[in-house]
Amino acid sequence: MATRKTSLACVDCGSRNYSKTVNDSNRAERLEIKKFCKYCKKHTLHKETK
């Protein structure tokens, strides 16, 4: 199993607020999670970045 650490960036402001360990086996799409952004001060969509 190949795992790697990736960061989650806010869609609205672009800041990278969170990091997450993901499993790389058979993943075709990027992770999208609704999280709280401390810069926007609201819950926004965060997408996986490299």
PDB file of N, CA and C in Angstrom:
ATOM      1  N   MET A   1       0.824  -1.186   0.000  1.00  0.00           N
ATOM      2  CA  MET A   1       0.000   0.000   0.000  1.00  0.00           C
ATOM      3  C   MET A   1       0.865   1.245   0.000  1.00  0.00           C
ATOM      4  N   ALA A   2       0.593   2.107  -0.928  1.00  0.00           N
ATOM      5  CA  ALA A   2       1.339   3.358  -1.000  1.00  0.00           C
ATOM      6  C   ALA A   2       0.479   4.476  -0.446  1.00  0.00           C
ATOM      7  N   THR A   3       0.930   5.071   0.644  1.00  0.00           N
ATOM      8  CA  THR A   3       0.220   6.205   1.218  1.00  0.00           C
ATOM      9  C   THR A   3       1.089   7.434   1.089  1.00  0.00           C
ATOM     10  N   ARG A   4       0.424   8.570   0.961  1.00  0.00           N
ATOM     11  CA  ARG A   4       1.166   9.824   0.884  1.00  0.00           C
ATOM     12  C   ARG A   4       0.378  10.909   1.585  1.00  0.00           C
ATOM     13  N   LYS A   5       1.055  11.953   1.961  1.00  0.00           N
ATOM     14  CA  LYS A   5       0.428  13.075   2.639  1.00  0.00           C
ATOM     15  C   LYS A   5       0.083  14.135   1.603  1.00  0.00           C
ATOM     16  N   THR A   6      -1.146  14.610   1.631  1.00  0.00           N
ATOM     17  CA  THR A   6      -1.596  15.613   0.687  1.00  0.00           C
ATOM     18  C   THR A   6      -2.250  16.757   1.449  1.00  0.00           C
ATOM     19  N   SER A   7      -2.321  17.921   0.840  1.00  0.00           N
ATOM     20  CA  SER A   7      -2.955  19.055   1.511  1.00  0.00           C
ATOM     21  C   SER A   7      -4.286  19.369   0.846  1.00  0.00           C
ATOM     22  N   LEU A   8      -5.181  19.981   1.622  1.00  0.00           N
ATOM     23  CA  LEU A   8      -6.502  20.363   1.139  1.00  0.00           C
ATOM     24  C   LEU A   8      -6.557  21.884   1.060  1.00  0.00           C
ATOM     25  N   ALA A   9      -6.922  22.408  -0.115  1.00  0.00           N
ATOM     26  CA  ALA A   9      -6.961  23.853  -0.328  1.00  0.00           C
ATOM     27  C   ALA A   9      -8.400  24.325  -0.456  1.00  0.00           C
ATOM     28  N   CYS A  10      -8.680  25.469   0.121  1.00  0.00           N
ATOM     29  CA  CYS A  10     -10.010  26.082   0.059  1.00  0.00           C
ATOM     30  C   CYS A  10     -10.280  26.528  -1.381  1.00  0.00           C
ATOM     31  N   VAL A  11     -11.498  26.257  -1.853  1.00  0.00           N
ATOM     32  CA  VAL A  11     -11.872  26.632  -3.214  1.00  0.00           C
ATOM     33  C   VAL A  11     -12.044  28.150  -3.326  1.00  0.00           C
ATOM     34  N   ASP A  12     -12.543  28.802  -2.277  1.00  0.00           N
ATOM     35  CA  ASP A  12     -12.809  30.247  -2.333  1.00  0.00           C
ATOM     36  C   ASP A  12     -11.538  31.086  -2.270  1.00  0.00           C
ATOM     37  N   CYS A  13     -10.701  30.884  -1.244  1.00  0.00           N
ATOM     38  CA  CYS A  13      -9.531  31.755  -1.071  1.00  0.00           C
ATOM     39  C   CYS A  13      -8.218  31.109  -1.506  1.00  0.00           C
ATOM     40  N   GLY A  14      -8.186  29.772  -1.653  1.00  0.00           N
ATOM     41  CA  GLY A  14      -6.986  29.097  -2.127  1.00  0.00           C
ATOM     42  C   GLY A  14      -5.975  28.734  -1.053  1.00  0.00           C
ATOM     43  N   SER A  15      -6.260  29.038   0.207  1.00  0.00           N
ATOM     44  CA  SER A  15      -5.302  28.719   1.261  1.00  0.00           C
ATOM     45  C   SER A  15      -5.332  27.230   1.577  1.00  0.00           C
ATOM     46  N   ARG A  16      -4.169  26.698   1.890  1.00  0.00           N
ATOM     47  CA  ARG A  16      -4.044  25.274   2.214  1.00  0.00           C
ATOM     48  C   ARG A  16      -4.124  25.110   3.721  1.00  0.00           C
ATOM     49  N   ASN A  17      -5.308  24.720   4.209  1.00  0.00           N
ATOM     50  CA  ASN A  17      -5.576  24.704   5.636  1.00  0.00           C
ATOM     51  C   ASN A  17      -5.376  23.348   6.283  1.00  0.00           C
ATOM     52  N   TYR A  18      -5.592  22.280   5.570  1.00  0.00           N
ATOM     53  CA  TYR A  18      -5.593  20.945   6.156  1.00  0.00           C
ATOM     54  C   TYR A  18      -4.653  20.018   5.396  1.00  0.00           C
ATOM     55  N   SER A  19      -4.167  18.980   6.100  1.00  0.00           N
ATOM     56  CA  SER A  19      -3.391  17.931   5.449  1.00  0.00           C
ATOM     57  C   SER A  19      -4.015  16.594   5.800  1.00  0.00           C
ATOM     58  N   LYS A  20      -3.875  15.620   4.911  1.00  0.00           N
ATOM     59  CA  LYS A  20      -4.513  14.329   5.092  1.00  0.00           C
ATOM     60  C   LYS A  20      -3.643  13.255   4.464  1.00  0.00           C
ATOM     61  N   THR A  21      -3.597  12.084   5.086  1.00  0.00           N
ATOM     62  CA  THR A  21      -2.891  10.940   4.526  1.00  0.00           C
ATOM     63  C   THR A  21      -3.879  10.125   3.709  1.00  0.00           C
ATOM     64  N   VAL A  22      -3.542   9.880   2.446  1.00  0.00           N
ATOM     65  CA  VAL A  22      -4.438   9.159   1.548  1.00  0.00           C
ATOM     66  C   VAL A  22      -3.752   7.928   0.982  1.00  0.00           C
ATOM     67  N   ASN A  23      -4.544   6.939   0.632  1.00  0.00           N
ATOM     68  CA  ASN A  23      -4.075   5.722   0.005  1.00  0.00           C
ATOM     69  C   ASN A  23      -4.143   5.906  -1.511  1.00  0.00           C
ATOM     70  N   ASP A  24      -3.039   5.679  -2.210  1.00  0.00           N
ATOM     71  CA  ASP A  24      -2.970   5.937  -3.646  1.00  0.00           C
ATOM     72  C   ASP A  24      -3.516   4.824  -4.525  1.00  0.00           C
ATOM     73  N   SER A  25      -3.795   3.668  -3.989  1.00  0.00           N
ATOM     74  CA  SER A  25      -4.187   2.551  -4.842  1.00  0.00           C
ATOM     75  C   SER A  25      -5.576   2.768  -5.452  1.00  0.00           C
ATOM     76  N   ASN A  26      -5.642   2.742  -6.766  1.00  0.00           N
ATOM     77  CA  ASN A  26      -6.874   2.821  -7.556  1.00  0.00           C
ATOM     78  C   ASN A  26      -7.691   4.081  -7.295  1.00  0.00           C
ATOM     79  N   ARG A  27      -7.031   5.231  -7.237  1.00  0.00           N
ATOM     80  CA  ARG A  27      -7.745   6.510  -7.084  1.00  0.00           C
ATOM     81  C   ARG A  27      -7.676   7.271  -8.386  1.00  0.00           C
ATOM     82  N   ALA A  28      -8.844   7.603  -8.943  1.00  0.00           N
ATOM     83  CA  ALA A  28      -8.881   8.313 -10.210  1.00  0.00           C
ATOM     84  C   ALA A  28      -9.232   9.787 -10.033  1.00  0.00           C
ATOM     85  N   GLU A  29      -9.927  10.126  -8.958  1.00  0.00           N
ATOM     86  CA  GLU A  29     -10.352  11.510  -8.772  1.00  0.00           C
ATOM     87  C   GLU A  29      -9.800  12.081  -7.474  1.00  0.00           C
ATOM     88  N   ARG A  30      -9.807  13.398  -7.397  1.00  0.00           N
ATOM     89  CA  ARG A  30      -9.264  14.073  -6.221  1.00  0.00           C
ATOM     90  C   ARG A  30     -10.308  14.163  -5.119  1.00  0.00           C
ATOM     91  N   LEU A  31      -9.824  14.192  -3.903  1.00  0.00           N
ATOM     92  CA  LEU A  31     -10.669  14.248  -2.723  1.00  0.00           C
ATOM     93  C   LEU A  31     -11.285  15.641  -2.572  1.00  0.00           C
ATOM     94  N   GLU A  32     -12.593  15.693  -2.254  1.00  0.00           N
ATOM     95  CA  GLU A  32     -13.292  16.953  -2.003  1.00  0.00           C
ATOM     96  C   GLU A  32     -14.082  16.820  -0.711  1.00  0.00           C
ATOM     97  N   ILE A  33     -13.820  17.716   0.249  1.00  0.00           N
ATOM     98  CA  ILE A  33     -14.467  17.672   1.555  1.00  0.00           C
ATOM     99  C   ILE A  33     -14.895  19.086   1.938  1.00  0.00           C
ATOM    100  N   LYS A  34     -16.065  19.204   2.558  1.00  0.00           N
ATOM    101  CA  LYS A  34     -16.487  20.487   3.113  1.00  0.00           C
ATOM    102  C   LYS A  34     -15.871  20.642   4.496  1.00  0.00           C
ATOM    103  N   LYS A  35     -15.037  21.672   4.665  1.00  0.00           N
ATOM    104  CA  LYS A  35     -14.350  21.926   5.931  1.00  0.00           C
ATOM    105  C   LYS A  35     -14.472  23.414   6.265  1.00  0.00           C
ATOM    106  N   PHE A  36     -14.144  23.755   7.517  1.00  0.00           N
ATOM    107  CA  PHE A  36     -14.173  25.154   7.945  1.00  0.00           C
ATOM    108  C   PHE A  36     -12.870  25.837   7.556  1.00  0.00           C
ATOM    109  N   CYS A  37     -12.982  26.959   6.872  1.00  0.00           N
ATOM    110  CA  CYS A  37     -11.811  27.756   6.501  1.00  0.00           C
ATOM    111  C   CYS A  37     -11.684  28.908   7.489  1.00  0.00           C
ATOM    112  N   LYS A  38     -10.534  28.996   8.169  1.00  0.00           N
ATOM    113  CA  LYS A  38     -10.361  30.044   9.174  1.00  0.00           C
ATOM    114  C   LYS A  38     -10.135  31.417   8.547  1.00  0.00           C
ATOM    115  N   TYR A  39      -9.793  31.473   7.266  1.00  0.00           N
ATOM    116  CA  TYR A  39      -9.596  32.750   6.595  1.00  0.00           C
ATOM    117  C   TYR A  39     -10.905  33.297   6.031  1.00  0.00           C
ATOM    118  N   CYS A  40     -11.762  32.409   5.496  1.00  0.00           N
ATOM    119  CA  CYS A  40     -13.079  32.819   4.998  1.00  0.00           C
ATOM    120  C   CYS A  40     -14.102  32.905   6.133  1.00  0.00           C
ATOM    121  N   LYS A  41     -13.811  32.236   7.246  1.00  0.00           N
ATOM    122  CA  LYS A  41     -14.678  32.170   8.421  1.00  0.00           C
ATOM    123  C   LYS A  41     -16.036  31.529   8.116  1.00  0.00           C
ATOM    124  N   LYS A  42     -16.008  30.476   7.267  1.00  0.00           N
ATOM    125  CA  LYS A  42     -17.222  29.723   6.958  1.00  0.00           C
ATOM    126  C   LYS A  42     -16.827  28.348   6.424  1.00  0.00           C
ATOM    127  N   HIS A  43     -17.804  27.454   6.326  1.00  0.00           N
ATOM    128  CA  HIS A  43     -17.568  26.133   5.759  1.00  0.00           C
ATOM    129  C   HIS A  43     -17.551  26.239   4.238  1.00  0.00           C
ATOM    130  N   THR A  44     -16.456  25.781   3.638  1.00  0.00           N
ATOM    131  CA  THR A  44     -16.310  25.830   2.183  1.00  0.00           C
ATOM    132  C   THR A  44     -15.803  24.477   1.690  1.00  0.00           C
ATOM    133  N   LEU A  45     -15.853  24.292   0.401  1.00  0.00           N
ATOM    134  CA  LEU A  45     -15.348  23.073  -0.211  1.00  0.00           C
ATOM    135  C   LEU A  45     -13.830  23.154  -0.274  1.00  0.00           C
ATOM    136  N   HIS A  46     -13.163  22.076   0.154  1.00  0.00           N
ATOM    137  CA  HIS A  46     -11.709  21.983   0.097  1.00  0.00           C
ATOM    138  C   HIS A  46     -11.347  20.824  -0.843  1.00  0.00           C
ATOM    139  N   LYS A  47     -10.447  21.089  -1.782  1.00  0.00           N
ATOM    140  CA  LYS A  47     -10.032  20.071  -2.751  1.00  0.00           C
ATOM    141  C   LYS A  47      -8.584  19.661  -2.499  1.00  0.00           C
ATOM    142  N   GLU A  48      -8.295  18.432  -2.856  1.00  0.00           N
ATOM    143  CA  GLU A  48      -6.951  17.882  -2.681  1.00  0.00           C
ATOM    144  C   GLU A  48      -5.977  18.539  -3.656  1.00  0.00           C
ATOM    145  N   THR A  49      -4.807  18.922  -3.131  1.00  0.00           N
ATOM    146  CA  THR A  49      -3.727  19.455  -3.965  1.00  0.00           C
ATOM    147  C   THR A  49      -2.495  18.594  -3.758  1.00  0.00           C
ATOM    148  N   LYS A  50      -1.466  18.808  -4.524  1.00  0.00           N
ATOM    149  CA  LYS A  50      -0.242  18.026  -4.378  1.00  0.00           C
ATOM    150  C   LYS A  50       0.639  18.592  -3.304  1.00  0.00           C
TER     151      LYS A  50
END
